[in-house]
Protein backbone atom coordinates (compact mmCIF):
# COMPACT_ATOMS: atom_id res chain seq x y z
CA MET A 1 11.14 39.62 11.87
CA LYS A 2 11.93 36.54 13.86
CA GLU A 3 8.51 35.08 13.26
CA THR A 4 8.78 35.51 9.51
CA ASP A 5 12.22 33.85 9.57
CA LYS A 6 10.79 30.94 11.54
CA LEU A 7 7.91 30.71 9.11
CA ARG A 8 10.27 30.64 6.12
CA GLU A 9 12.40 28.01 7.81
CA LEU A 10 9.32 25.87 8.46
CA GLU A 11 8.19 26.27 4.84
CA GLN A 12 11.61 25.17 3.63
CA ARG A 13 11.52 22.14 5.89
CA ILE A 14 8.05 21.25 4.64
CA ASP A 15 9.23 21.55 1.04
CA GLU A 16 12.22 19.32 1.77
CA LEU A 17 10.02 16.74 3.46
CA GLU A 18 7.56 16.75 0.55
CA GLN A 19 10.42 16.19 -1.89
CA GLN A 20 11.76 13.33 0.22
CA LEU A 21 8.28 11.80 0.40
CA GLU A 22 7.88 11.98 -3.38
CA HIS A 23 11.28 10.34 -3.80
CA PHE A 24 10.39 7.52 -1.38
CA GLU A 25 7.01 6.93 -3.02
CA LYS A 26 8.57 6.79 -6.47
CA PHE A 27 11.31 4.44 -5.29
CA HIS A 28 8.91 2.07 -3.53
CA SER A 29 6.37 2.00 -6.35
CA ASP A 30 9.14 1.16 -8.85
CA HIS A 31 10.52 -1.45 -6.48
CA LEU A 32 7.12 -3.11 -6.00
CA ASN A 33 6.40 -3.15 -9.72
CA GLU A 34 9.69 -4.89 -10.47
CA ASN A 35 9.31 -7.48 -7.72
CA ASP A 36 5.69 -8.39 -8.26
CA VAL A 37 5.21 -11.97 -7.10
CA ARG A 38 3.48 -13.09 -10.26
CA VAL A 39 6.25 -11.68 -12.43
CA VAL A 40 8.93 -13.38 -10.35
CA VAL A 41 7.13 -16.74 -10.42
CA ASP A 42 6.57 -16.47 -14.17
CA LYS A 43 10.24 -15.68 -14.73
CA ILE A 44 11.36 -18.65 -12.65
CA LEU A 45 8.96 -21.02 -14.37
CA MET A 46 9.97 -19.85 -17.82
CA GLU A 47 13.69 -20.04 -17.03
CA LYS A 48 13.53 -23.49 -15.48
CA LYS A 49 10.84 -24.76 -17.88
CA ILE A 50 9.19 -26.55 -14.97
CA ALA A 51 5.67 -26.21 -16.33
CA SER A 52 3.96 -24.96 -19.44
CA GLN A 53 1.53 -22.06 -19.40
CA GLU A 54 -1.38 -24.47 -19.88
CA GLU A 55 -0.35 -26.49 -16.82
CA ILE A 56 -0.04 -23.32 -14.76
CA ASP A 57 -3.47 -22.11 -15.91
CA SER A 58 -4.95 -25.52 -15.11
CA LYS A 59 -3.51 -25.49 -11.58
CA ILE A 60 -4.77 -21.95 -10.99
CA TYR A 61 -8.24 -22.94 -12.22
CA GLN A 62 -8.27 -25.99 -9.92
CA SER A 63 -7.17 -23.83 -6.99
CA HIS A 64 -9.95 -21.34 -7.70
CA LEU A 65 -12.51 -24.15 -7.81
CA GLN A 66 -11.27 -25.55 -4.50
CA LEU A 67 -11.44 -22.09 -2.94
CA ILE A 68 -15.01 -21.58 -4.16
CA LYS A 69 -16.05 -25.00 -2.84
CA TRP A 70 -14.44 -24.25 0.51
CA ILE A 71 -16.21 -20.89 0.77
CA ILE A 72 -19.58 -22.44 -0.09
CA GLY A 73 -19.01 -25.29 2.36
CA THR A 74 -18.02 -22.88 5.11
CA GLY A 75 -21.10 -20.76 4.44
CA ILE A 76 -23.38 -23.80 4.64
CA SER A 77 -21.69 -24.95 7.87
CA ILE A 78 -22.07 -21.54 9.47
CA GLY A 79 -25.72 -21.40 8.38
CA ALA A 80 -26.36 -24.85 9.86
CA ALA A 81 -24.64 -23.88 13.10
CA ILE A 82 -26.73 -20.73 13.41
CA LEU A 83 -29.96 -22.65 12.71
CA GLY A 84 -28.92 -25.24 15.28
CA MET A 85 -28.37 -22.52 17.86
CA PHE A 86 -31.85 -21.08 17.18
CA GLN A 87 -33.43 -24.49 17.77
CA PHE A 88 -32.09 -24.51 21.33
CA PHE A 89 -33.82 -21.22 22.09
């Protein structure tokens, strides 16, 4: 009898923990959706009218181009460094 009582108690605790976990997951997913960085930045820009959507898109495009150039340049530099190391051997 004692073992079955312990088993029931453990099952109840597991159920409670699962319910708490579901609650936490739901709370955090809602919280993250509301505070998405892009949404917050868009709200601030629209409220303050700092920049138009075209200017924002242009800056994002320029940033992407710079990132791509940097990645390509880094890849070429690493390739040159590796080839240089092979020449010594």
